């Protein structure tokens, strides 16, 4: 906010406010000029003090971030000790106590706890059943046959297929017929 100084020459020419004598108006103008001069002086002093404060902080190694951190910490502390915060905290504590002690809350908590236990038991049972079925499937004749074929194919691929394609089925299922060429180029 900046003050606009009043030009005393212009102010002297202005008509006096009703109810004031010319002497009273002149006295008020003089006081206004004096107060405006004091405001300018105080601003200059404040600017000098702020520069000096900044220089001291710089010499002490205090950064702007550190100052901001301290201001935020101080502000948060002030909020926590304010009457509004304390009263709100107390009220919320009372409401929390009332809610947690209510029958509806206790029933809901008990129901959710039971539902969690039943869900956990059901998932455990389902996991056991799936594990058992996978174990049964792995021990089945079909899976053993499939596992043997994969092992045979793997051993032939790893050994480089030196024996040709003796027992390997054709991937197209066409036997000895050549595959048609479907290349686009």
N, C-alpha and C. Protein backbone atom coordinates (compact mmCIF):
# COMPACT_ATOMS: atom_id res chain seq x y z
N UNK A 1 0.85 -1.15 0.00
CA UNK A 1 0.00 0.00 0.00
C UNK A 1 0.90 1.22 0.00
N UNK A 2 0.63 2.13 -0.87
CA UNK A 2 1.44 3.35 -0.92
C UNK A 2 0.58 4.54 -0.56
N UNK A 3 1.19 5.44 0.14
CA UNK A 3 0.50 6.67 0.50
C UNK A 3 0.81 7.72 -0.54
N UNK A 4 -0.18 8.46 -0.89
CA UNK A 4 0.02 9.56 -1.82
C UNK A 4 0.16 10.82 -0.99
N UNK A 5 1.33 11.45 -1.06
CA UNK A 5 1.52 12.65 -0.23
C UNK A 5 0.60 13.76 -0.70
N UNK A 6 0.13 14.51 0.24
CA UNK A 6 -0.75 15.64 -0.06
C UNK A 6 0.11 16.87 -0.25
N UNK A 7 -0.09 17.52 -1.36
CA UNK A 7 0.64 18.76 -1.63
C UNK A 7 0.02 19.84 -0.75
N UNK A 8 0.82 20.39 0.16
CA UNK A 8 0.27 21.35 1.13
C UNK A 8 -0.21 22.62 0.45
N UNK A 9 0.41 22.97 -0.69
CA UNK A 9 -0.04 24.17 -1.40
C UNK A 9 -1.44 23.96 -1.96
N UNK A 10 -1.68 22.77 -2.51
CA UNK A 10 -3.00 22.44 -3.06
C UNK A 10 -4.00 22.29 -1.92
N UNK A 11 -3.56 21.66 -0.84
CA UNK A 11 -4.43 21.45 0.30
C UNK A 11 -4.84 22.79 0.93
N UNK A 12 -3.95 23.78 0.89
CA UNK A 12 -4.26 25.08 1.47
C UNK A 12 -5.32 25.79 0.66
N UNK A 13 -5.36 25.50 -0.64
CA UNK A 13 -6.34 26.13 -1.50
C UNK A 13 -7.70 25.44 -1.41
N UNK A 14 -7.72 24.20 -0.94
CA UNK A 14 -8.98 23.45 -0.86
C UNK A 14 -9.89 24.11 0.16
N UNK A 15 -11.18 24.09 -0.11
CA UNK A 15 -12.09 24.72 0.84
C UNK A 15 -12.10 23.94 2.16
N UNK A 16 -12.28 24.64 3.22
CA UNK A 16 -12.30 24.02 4.54
C UNK A 16 -13.55 23.17 4.66
N UNK A 17 -13.40 22.06 5.40
CA UNK A 17 -14.53 21.19 5.63
C UNK A 17 -15.50 21.91 6.56
N UNK A 18 -16.77 21.70 6.33
CA UNK A 18 -17.78 22.34 7.17
C UNK A 18 -17.55 22.01 8.62
N UNK A 19 -17.66 22.95 9.45
CA UNK A 19 -17.51 22.73 10.88
C UNK A 19 -16.09 22.99 11.35
N UNK A 20 -15.14 23.26 10.43
CA UNK A 20 -13.75 23.54 10.81
C UNK A 20 -13.43 24.99 10.47
N UNK A 21 -12.71 25.57 11.34
CA UNK A 21 -12.26 26.93 11.04
C UNK A 21 -11.02 26.84 10.17
N UNK A 22 -10.64 27.92 9.56
CA UNK A 22 -9.44 27.92 8.72
C UNK A 22 -8.21 27.54 9.54
N UNK A 23 -8.13 27.94 10.76
CA UNK A 23 -6.99 27.63 11.63
C UNK A 23 -6.95 26.13 11.94
N UNK A 24 -8.12 25.54 12.23
CA UNK A 24 -8.18 24.09 12.51
C UNK A 24 -7.80 23.29 11.27
N UNK A 25 -8.29 23.72 10.10
CA UNK A 25 -7.96 23.02 8.86
C UNK A 25 -6.46 23.11 8.59
N UNK A 26 -5.87 24.28 8.82
CA UNK A 26 -4.43 24.45 8.62
C UNK A 26 -3.64 23.56 9.57
N UNK A 27 -4.10 23.46 10.81
CA UNK A 27 -3.43 22.62 11.81
C UNK A 27 -3.50 21.14 11.39
N UNK A 28 -4.67 20.71 10.91
CA UNK A 28 -4.82 19.31 10.45
C UNK A 28 -3.94 19.03 9.23
N UNK A 29 -3.82 20.01 8.33
CA UNK A 29 -2.96 19.81 7.15
C UNK A 29 -1.50 19.67 7.57
N UNK A 30 -1.10 20.46 8.53
CA UNK A 30 0.28 20.39 9.02
C UNK A 30 0.54 19.02 9.67
N UNK A 31 -0.44 18.58 10.46
CA UNK A 31 -0.29 17.26 11.11
C UNK A 31 -0.24 16.14 10.06
N UNK A 32 -1.09 16.25 9.01
CA UNK A 32 -1.10 15.26 7.93
C UNK A 32 0.25 15.21 7.22
N UNK A 33 0.82 16.36 6.94
CA UNK A 33 2.13 16.40 6.28
C UNK A 33 3.19 15.76 7.16
N UNK A 34 3.13 16.04 8.49
CA UNK A 34 4.09 15.46 9.43
C UNK A 34 3.96 13.94 9.48
N UNK A 35 2.71 13.43 9.54
CA UNK A 35 2.48 11.97 9.60
C UNK A 35 2.96 11.31 8.31
N UNK A 36 2.69 11.92 7.16
CA UNK A 36 3.14 11.36 5.89
C UNK A 36 4.67 11.31 5.83
N UNK A 37 5.31 12.33 6.36
CA UNK A 37 6.78 12.35 6.40
C UNK A 37 7.30 11.23 7.30
N UNK A 38 6.63 10.99 8.43
CA UNK A 38 7.02 9.91 9.34
C UNK A 38 6.83 8.54 8.67
N UNK A 39 5.74 8.38 7.92
CA UNK A 39 5.48 7.11 7.22
C UNK A 39 6.61 6.84 6.22
N UNK A 40 7.01 7.85 5.46
CA UNK A 40 8.11 7.68 4.50
C UNK A 40 9.38 7.29 5.23
N UNK A 41 9.66 7.96 6.35
CA UNK A 41 10.86 7.65 7.13
C UNK A 41 10.80 6.22 7.67
N UNK A 42 9.66 5.82 8.19
CA UNK A 42 9.53 4.45 8.72
C UNK A 42 9.71 3.41 7.63
N UNK A 43 9.19 3.67 6.43
CA UNK A 43 9.39 2.73 5.32
C UNK A 43 10.86 2.59 4.99
N UNK A 44 11.57 3.70 4.99
CA UNK A 44 13.01 3.67 4.70
C UNK A 44 13.75 2.88 5.77
N UNK A 45 13.38 3.10 7.03
CA UNK A 45 14.01 2.37 8.13
C UNK A 45 13.71 0.88 8.02
N UNK A 46 12.45 0.55 7.72
CA UNK A 46 12.07 -0.86 7.58
C UNK A 46 12.84 -1.52 6.44
N UNK A 47 12.98 -0.85 5.31
CA UNK A 47 13.72 -1.41 4.18
C UNK A 47 15.18 -1.65 4.57
N UNK A 48 15.78 -0.70 5.31
CA UNK A 48 17.16 -0.86 5.76
C UNK A 48 17.28 -2.04 6.73
N UNK A 49 16.32 -2.18 7.64
CA UNK A 49 16.33 -3.30 8.59
C UNK A 49 16.18 -4.64 7.87
N UNK A 50 15.30 -4.69 6.87
CA UNK A 50 15.13 -5.93 6.10
C UNK A 50 16.41 -6.30 5.35
N UNK A 51 17.08 -5.31 4.77
CA UNK A 51 18.36 -5.59 4.10
C UNK A 51 19.38 -6.11 5.09
N UNK A 52 19.45 -5.48 6.27
CA UNK A 52 20.40 -5.91 7.30
C UNK A 52 20.07 -7.33 7.77
N UNK A 53 18.79 -7.63 7.95
CA UNK A 53 18.35 -8.97 8.36
C UNK A 53 18.76 -10.00 7.30
N UNK A 54 18.53 -9.68 6.05
CA UNK A 54 18.92 -10.58 4.96
C UNK A 54 20.42 -10.83 4.93
N UNK A 55 21.20 -9.79 5.16
CA UNK A 55 22.66 -9.93 5.18
C UNK A 55 23.09 -10.83 6.34
N UNK A 56 22.49 -10.64 7.52
CA UNK A 56 22.82 -11.48 8.67
C UNK A 56 22.48 -12.94 8.40
N UNK A 57 21.32 -13.19 7.81
CA UNK A 57 20.93 -14.56 7.48
C UNK A 57 21.89 -15.18 6.48
N UNK A 58 22.29 -14.37 5.48
CA UNK A 58 23.23 -14.88 4.48
C UNK A 58 24.55 -15.25 5.14
N UNK A 59 25.04 -14.38 6.04
CA UNK A 59 26.31 -14.65 6.71
C UNK A 59 26.21 -15.87 7.63
N UNK A 60 25.03 -16.12 8.19
CA UNK A 60 24.84 -17.28 9.07
C UNK A 60 24.55 -18.55 8.28
N UNK A 61 24.36 -18.41 6.97
CA UNK A 61 24.08 -19.58 6.14
C UNK A 61 22.64 -20.02 6.16
N UNK A 62 21.76 -19.14 6.61
CA UNK A 62 20.34 -19.48 6.63
C UNK A 62 19.75 -19.16 5.27
N UNK A 63 19.13 -20.17 4.66
CA UNK A 63 18.57 -19.98 3.33
C UNK A 63 17.12 -19.53 3.43
N UNK A 64 16.59 -19.10 2.31
CA UNK A 64 15.18 -18.71 2.24
C UNK A 64 14.31 -19.92 2.53
N UNK A 65 14.74 -21.09 2.04
CA UNK A 65 13.98 -22.31 2.28
C UNK A 65 13.93 -22.63 3.77
N UNK A 66 15.04 -22.43 4.44
CA UNK A 66 15.08 -22.68 5.88
C UNK A 66 14.13 -21.73 6.61
N UNK A 67 14.11 -20.48 6.19
CA UNK A 67 13.19 -19.51 6.78
C UNK A 67 11.74 -19.89 6.53
N UNK A 68 11.45 -20.33 5.32
CA UNK A 68 10.10 -20.76 4.99
C UNK A 68 9.70 -21.96 5.85
N UNK A 69 10.63 -22.88 6.01
CA UNK A 69 10.37 -24.07 6.83
C UNK A 69 10.06 -23.66 8.27
N UNK A 70 10.84 -22.73 8.80
CA UNK A 70 10.59 -22.26 10.17
C UNK A 70 9.25 -21.55 10.27
N UNK A 71 8.93 -20.73 9.26
CA UNK A 71 7.65 -20.03 9.28
C UNK A 71 6.48 -20.99 9.24
N UNK A 72 6.59 -22.02 8.38
CA UNK A 72 5.52 -23.02 8.30
C UNK A 72 5.39 -23.78 9.62
N UNK A 73 6.51 -24.14 10.19
CA UNK A 73 6.49 -24.86 11.46
C UNK A 73 5.86 -24.00 12.55
N UNK A 74 6.25 -22.75 12.60
CA UNK A 74 5.70 -21.83 13.59
C UNK A 74 4.20 -21.64 13.35
N UNK A 75 3.82 -21.48 12.07
CA UNK A 75 2.41 -21.30 11.73
C UNK A 75 1.58 -22.52 12.12
N UNK A 76 2.10 -23.72 11.85
CA UNK A 76 1.37 -24.95 12.20
C UNK A 76 1.23 -25.05 13.72
N UNK A 77 2.28 -24.69 14.44
CA UNK A 77 2.21 -24.71 15.90
C UNK A 77 1.14 -23.74 16.39
N UNK A 78 1.11 -22.55 15.79
CA UNK A 78 0.10 -21.56 16.18
C UNK A 78 -1.31 -22.08 15.91
N UNK A 79 -1.48 -22.79 14.79
CA UNK A 79 -2.80 -23.35 14.48
C UNK A 79 -3.17 -24.40 15.52
N UNK A 80 -2.21 -25.25 15.88
CA UNK A 80 -2.50 -26.32 16.83
C UNK A 80 -2.86 -25.81 18.22
N UNK A 81 -2.35 -24.67 18.60
CA UNK A 81 -2.66 -24.16 19.93
C UNK A 81 -3.80 -23.16 19.90
N UNK A 82 -4.35 -22.89 18.72
CA UNK A 82 -5.46 -21.94 18.62
C UNK A 82 -6.72 -22.55 19.25
N UNK A 83 -7.59 -21.69 19.74
CA UNK A 83 -8.83 -22.14 20.38
C UNK A 83 -9.69 -22.95 19.41
N UNK A 84 -9.79 -22.48 18.17
CA UNK A 84 -10.63 -23.17 17.19
C UNK A 84 -10.13 -24.60 16.95
N UNK A 85 -8.83 -24.76 16.80
CA UNK A 85 -8.26 -26.09 16.55
C UNK A 85 -8.46 -26.99 17.77
N UNK A 86 -8.20 -26.46 18.94
CA UNK A 86 -8.34 -27.26 20.16
C UNK A 86 -9.79 -27.69 20.35
N UNK A 87 -10.73 -26.75 20.17
CA UNK A 87 -12.14 -27.09 20.34
C UNK A 87 -12.59 -28.10 19.28
N UNK A 88 -12.14 -27.91 18.05
CA UNK A 88 -12.51 -28.85 16.99
C UNK A 88 -11.95 -30.23 17.28
N UNK A 89 -10.70 -30.30 17.72
CA UNK A 89 -10.09 -31.59 18.07
C UNK A 89 -10.87 -32.28 19.18
N UNK A 90 -11.24 -31.51 20.18
CA UNK A 90 -12.00 -32.10 21.29
C UNK A 90 -13.35 -32.62 20.79
N UNK A 91 -14.02 -31.83 19.94
CA UNK A 91 -15.33 -32.22 19.44
C UNK A 91 -15.21 -33.48 18.59
N UNK A 92 -14.20 -33.52 17.72
CA UNK A 92 -14.00 -34.71 16.89
C UNK A 92 -13.69 -35.94 17.75
N UNK A 93 -12.92 -35.73 18.82
CA UNK A 93 -12.63 -36.83 19.74
C UNK A 93 -13.90 -37.35 20.40
N UNK A 94 -14.78 -36.42 20.79
CA UNK A 94 -16.05 -36.82 21.40
C UNK A 94 -16.90 -37.61 20.40
N UNK A 95 -16.98 -37.10 19.16
CA UNK A 95 -17.76 -37.79 18.13
C UNK A 95 -17.19 -39.17 17.85
N UNK A 96 -15.87 -39.26 17.78
CA UNK A 96 -15.23 -40.55 17.53
C UNK A 96 -15.57 -41.54 18.65
N UNK A 97 -15.53 -41.05 19.87
CA UNK A 97 -15.86 -41.90 21.01
C UNK A 97 -17.31 -42.38 20.93
N UNK A 98 -18.21 -41.45 20.59
CA UNK A 98 -19.62 -41.82 20.50
C UNK A 98 -19.86 -42.83 19.37
N UNK A 99 -19.22 -42.60 18.24
CA UNK A 99 -19.42 -43.50 17.10
C UNK A 99 -18.87 -44.88 17.40
N UNK A 100 -17.65 -44.95 17.93
CA UNK A 100 -17.05 -46.25 18.18
C UNK A 100 -17.73 -47.01 19.31
N UNK A 101 -18.45 -46.32 20.16
CA UNK A 101 -19.15 -46.99 21.25
C UNK A 101 -20.60 -47.33 20.89
N UNK A 102 -21.06 -46.89 19.72
CA UNK A 102 -22.46 -47.15 19.35
C UNK A 102 -22.66 -48.61 18.96
N UNK A 103 -23.88 -49.09 19.17
CA UNK A 103 -24.21 -50.48 18.83
C UNK A 103 -24.09 -50.72 17.34
N UNK A 104 -24.51 -49.76 16.53
CA UNK A 104 -24.45 -49.90 15.08
C UNK A 104 -23.01 -50.08 14.60
N UNK A 105 -22.09 -49.29 15.16
CA UNK A 105 -20.69 -49.40 14.80
C UNK A 105 -20.14 -50.77 15.19
N UNK A 106 -20.46 -51.19 16.40
CA UNK A 106 -19.96 -52.48 16.87
C UNK A 106 -20.49 -53.63 16.02
N UNK A 107 -21.79 -53.57 15.65
CA UNK A 107 -22.37 -54.61 14.80
C UNK A 107 -21.73 -54.62 13.42
N UNK A 108 -21.53 -53.44 12.87
CA UNK A 108 -20.90 -53.34 11.55
C UNK A 108 -19.48 -53.88 11.60
N UNK A 109 -18.74 -53.51 12.63
CA UNK A 109 -17.37 -53.99 12.78
C UNK A 109 -17.35 -55.52 12.91
N UNK A 110 -18.26 -56.07 13.69
CA UNK A 110 -18.33 -57.51 13.89
C UNK A 110 -18.69 -58.22 12.58
N UNK A 111 -19.65 -57.66 11.85
CA UNK A 111 -20.09 -58.25 10.58
C UNK A 111 -18.95 -58.24 9.57
N UNK A 112 -18.25 -57.11 9.46
CA UNK A 112 -17.13 -57.03 8.52
C UNK A 112 -16.01 -57.98 8.92
N UNK A 113 -15.78 -58.13 10.20
CA UNK A 113 -14.75 -59.05 10.67
C UNK A 113 -15.12 -60.49 10.30
N UNK A 114 -16.37 -60.86 10.52
CA UNK A 114 -16.82 -62.21 10.16
C UNK A 114 -16.74 -62.43 8.65
N UNK A 115 -17.14 -61.41 7.88
CA UNK A 115 -17.09 -61.53 6.43
C UNK A 115 -15.64 -61.71 5.97
N UNK A 116 -14.73 -61.01 6.59
CA UNK A 116 -13.32 -61.15 6.25
C UNK A 116 -12.80 -62.55 6.56
N UNK A 117 -13.19 -63.08 7.71
CA UNK A 117 -12.76 -64.41 8.09
C UNK A 117 -13.33 -65.47 7.14
N UNK A 118 -14.61 -65.31 6.78
CA UNK A 118 -15.23 -66.29 5.87
C UNK A 118 -14.63 -66.20 4.48
N UNK A 119 -14.34 -64.98 4.02
CA UNK A 119 -13.72 -64.81 2.71
C UNK A 119 -12.33 -65.43 2.71
N UNK A 120 -11.59 -65.22 3.77
CA UNK A 120 -10.25 -65.79 3.87
C UNK A 120 -10.31 -67.32 3.86
N UNK A 121 -11.24 -67.87 4.59
CA UNK A 121 -11.39 -69.33 4.62
C UNK A 121 -11.80 -69.87 3.26
N UNK A 122 -12.71 -69.17 2.58
CA UNK A 122 -13.16 -69.62 1.25
C UNK A 122 -12.01 -69.57 0.26
N UNK A 123 -11.23 -68.49 0.28
CA UNK A 123 -10.09 -68.39 -0.64
C UNK A 123 -9.05 -69.46 -0.35
N UNK A 124 -8.85 -69.76 0.92
CA UNK A 124 -7.89 -70.80 1.29
C UNK A 124 -8.37 -72.16 0.79
N UNK A 125 -9.65 -72.44 0.97
CA UNK A 125 -10.22 -73.70 0.49
C UNK A 125 -10.12 -73.80 -1.02
N UNK A 126 -10.43 -72.69 -1.71
CA UNK A 126 -10.37 -72.67 -3.16
C UNK A 126 -8.93 -72.89 -3.64
N UNK A 127 -7.98 -72.25 -2.97
CA UNK A 127 -6.58 -72.43 -3.32
C UNK A 127 -6.13 -73.87 -3.15
N UNK A 128 -6.57 -74.49 -2.07
CA UNK A 128 -6.23 -75.90 -1.83
C UNK A 128 -6.84 -76.79 -2.90
N UNK A 129 -8.09 -76.51 -3.27
CA UNK A 129 -8.75 -77.32 -4.30
C UNK A 129 -8.04 -77.17 -5.64
N UNK A 130 -7.66 -75.96 -5.99
CA UNK A 130 -6.96 -75.75 -7.26
C UNK A 130 -5.61 -76.47 -7.25
N UNK A 131 -4.89 -76.37 -6.14
CA UNK A 131 -3.61 -77.07 -6.03
C UNK A 131 -3.79 -78.59 -6.18
N UNK A 132 -4.82 -79.11 -5.52
CA UNK A 132 -5.08 -80.55 -5.60
C UNK A 132 -5.42 -80.96 -7.04
N UNK A 133 -6.27 -80.16 -7.72
CA UNK A 133 -6.66 -80.48 -9.10
C UNK A 133 -5.46 -80.42 -10.03
N UNK A 134 -4.60 -79.42 -9.84
CA UNK A 134 -3.40 -79.33 -10.68
C UNK A 134 -2.48 -80.53 -10.44
N UNK A 135 -2.38 -80.94 -9.17
CA UNK A 135 -1.57 -82.13 -8.86
C UNK A 135 -2.16 -83.37 -9.50
N UNK A 136 -3.50 -83.51 -9.45
CA UNK A 136 -4.15 -84.66 -10.08
C UNK A 136 -3.93 -84.63 -11.59
N UNK A 137 -4.05 -83.44 -12.17
CA UNK A 137 -3.87 -83.31 -13.61
C UNK A 137 -2.44 -83.66 -14.01
N UNK A 138 -1.48 -83.25 -13.21
CA UNK A 138 -0.08 -83.53 -13.53
C UNK A 138 0.20 -85.04 -13.47
N UNK A 139 -0.52 -85.74 -12.63
CA UNK A 139 -0.32 -87.19 -12.50
C UNK A 139 -1.17 -87.98 -13.49
N UNK A 140 -1.97 -87.29 -14.31
CA UNK A 140 -2.82 -88.02 -15.26
C UNK A 140 -2.01 -88.55 -16.44
N UNK A 141 -2.57 -89.57 -17.10
CA UNK A 141 -1.90 -90.20 -18.23
C UNK A 141 -1.74 -89.21 -19.39
N UNK A 142 -2.73 -88.37 -19.62
CA UNK A 142 -2.67 -87.40 -20.71
C UNK A 142 -1.52 -86.43 -20.50
N UNK A 143 -1.40 -85.92 -19.30
CA UNK A 143 -0.33 -84.96 -19.02
C UNK A 143 1.02 -85.64 -19.13
N UNK A 144 1.13 -86.89 -18.63
CA UNK A 144 2.40 -87.62 -18.72
C UNK A 144 2.79 -87.81 -20.18
N UNK A 145 1.82 -88.15 -21.03
CA UNK A 145 2.10 -88.32 -22.44
C UNK A 145 2.56 -87.00 -23.07
N UNK A 146 1.89 -85.93 -22.73
CA UNK A 146 2.25 -84.61 -23.25
C UNK A 146 3.64 -84.22 -22.77
N UNK A 147 3.93 -84.48 -21.49
CA UNK A 147 5.22 -84.16 -20.92
C UNK A 147 6.34 -84.95 -21.61
N UNK A 148 6.07 -86.23 -21.91
CA UNK A 148 7.05 -87.06 -22.61
C UNK A 148 7.33 -86.52 -24.00
N UNK A 149 6.29 -86.12 -24.73
CA UNK A 149 6.48 -85.59 -26.08
C UNK A 149 7.29 -84.29 -26.06
N UNK A 150 6.95 -83.42 -25.12
CA UNK A 150 7.70 -82.17 -25.01
C UNK A 150 9.16 -82.47 -24.69
N UNK A 151 9.41 -83.41 -23.80
CA UNK A 151 10.78 -83.79 -23.48
C UNK A 151 11.51 -84.35 -24.69
N UNK A 152 10.82 -85.17 -25.49
CA UNK A 152 11.43 -85.74 -26.70
C UNK A 152 11.76 -84.64 -27.69
N UNK A 153 10.83 -83.74 -27.91
CA UNK A 153 11.06 -82.63 -28.85
C UNK A 153 12.22 -81.78 -28.37
N UNK A 154 12.25 -81.51 -27.09
CA UNK A 154 13.32 -80.69 -26.52
C UNK A 154 14.67 -81.36 -26.73
N UNK A 155 14.74 -82.64 -26.46
CA UNK A 155 16.03 -83.32 -26.60
C UNK A 155 16.48 -83.33 -28.06
N UNK A 156 15.55 -83.45 -29.02
CA UNK A 156 15.92 -83.43 -30.43
C UNK A 156 16.35 -82.04 -30.86
N UNK A 157 15.70 -81.01 -30.33
CA UNK A 157 16.09 -79.64 -30.69
C UNK A 157 17.45 -79.32 -30.10
N UNK A 158 17.69 -79.72 -28.87
CA UNK A 158 18.96 -79.45 -28.22
C UNK A 158 20.08 -80.21 -28.88
N UNK A 159 19.82 -81.45 -29.28
CA UNK A 159 20.87 -82.25 -29.91
C UNK A 159 21.06 -81.87 -31.37
N UNK A 160 20.27 -80.95 -31.90
CA UNK A 160 20.45 -80.48 -33.27
C UNK A 160 19.65 -81.28 -34.27
N UNK A 161 18.81 -82.16 -33.85
CA UNK A 161 17.99 -82.94 -34.76
C UNK A 161 18.82 -83.83 -35.67
N UNK A 162 19.88 -84.44 -35.14
CA UNK A 162 20.78 -85.28 -35.93
C UNK A 162 20.08 -86.49 -36.54
N UNK A 163 19.08 -86.98 -35.90
CA UNK A 163 18.39 -88.17 -36.38
C UNK A 163 17.27 -87.83 -37.35
N UNK A 164 17.19 -86.57 -37.76
CA UNK A 164 16.12 -86.19 -38.67
C UNK A 164 14.84 -85.95 -37.92
N UNK A 165 13.74 -86.13 -38.61
CA UNK A 165 12.44 -85.90 -37.96
C UNK A 165 11.73 -87.23 -37.82
N UNK A 166 12.39 -88.19 -37.22
CA UNK A 166 11.85 -89.53 -37.10
C UNK A 166 10.47 -89.57 -36.48
N UNK A 167 10.37 -89.13 -35.26
CA UNK A 167 9.10 -89.27 -34.55
C UNK A 167 8.38 -87.95 -34.36
N UNK A 168 8.88 -86.88 -34.99
CA UNK A 168 8.26 -85.58 -34.80
C UNK A 168 7.08 -85.43 -35.72
N UNK A 169 5.95 -85.06 -35.20
CA UNK A 169 4.80 -84.84 -36.07
C UNK A 169 4.99 -83.53 -36.84
N UNK A 170 4.39 -83.47 -38.00
CA UNK A 170 4.47 -82.26 -38.82
C UNK A 170 3.63 -81.17 -38.17
N UNK A 171 4.16 -79.96 -38.09
CA UNK A 171 3.38 -78.90 -37.46
C UNK A 171 2.13 -78.56 -38.24
N UNK A 172 2.11 -78.79 -39.55
CA UNK A 172 0.92 -78.49 -40.34
C UNK A 172 -0.01 -79.68 -40.41
N UNK A 173 0.46 -80.83 -40.02
CA UNK A 173 -0.37 -82.03 -40.05
C UNK A 173 -0.55 -82.55 -41.47
N UNK A 174 0.30 -82.14 -42.41
CA UNK A 174 0.11 -82.54 -43.81
C UNK A 174 1.00 -83.70 -44.21
N UNK A 175 1.71 -84.27 -43.31
CA UNK A 175 2.56 -85.42 -43.64
C UNK A 175 3.75 -84.97 -44.46
N UNK A 176 3.95 -85.65 -45.63
CA UNK A 176 5.13 -85.36 -46.45
C UNK A 176 4.86 -84.30 -47.51
N UNK A 177 3.63 -83.81 -47.62
CA UNK A 177 3.35 -82.81 -48.64
C UNK A 177 4.04 -81.50 -48.29
N UNK A 178 4.57 -80.83 -49.30
CA UNK A 178 5.20 -79.54 -49.01
C UNK A 178 4.14 -78.50 -48.66
N UNK A 179 4.53 -77.58 -47.85
CA UNK A 179 3.62 -76.51 -47.44
C UNK A 179 3.51 -75.49 -48.55
N UNK A 180 2.32 -74.96 -48.79
CA UNK A 180 2.19 -73.95 -49.85
C UNK A 180 2.92 -72.69 -49.43
N UNK A 181 3.48 -72.00 -50.41
CA UNK A 181 4.21 -70.77 -50.15
C UNK A 181 3.23 -69.62 -50.15
N UNK A 182 3.04 -68.99 -49.00
CA UNK A 182 2.12 -67.87 -48.86
C UNK A 182 2.86 -66.56 -48.64
N UNK A 183 4.10 -66.48 -49.06
CA UNK A 183 4.84 -65.26 -48.82
C UNK A 183 4.32 -64.16 -49.72
N UNK A 184 4.16 -62.96 -49.23
CA UNK A 184 3.58 -61.88 -50.01
C UNK A 184 4.53 -61.28 -51.02
N UNK A 185 5.82 -61.56 -51.01
CA UNK A 185 6.77 -60.91 -51.92
C UNK A 185 7.30 -61.86 -52.94
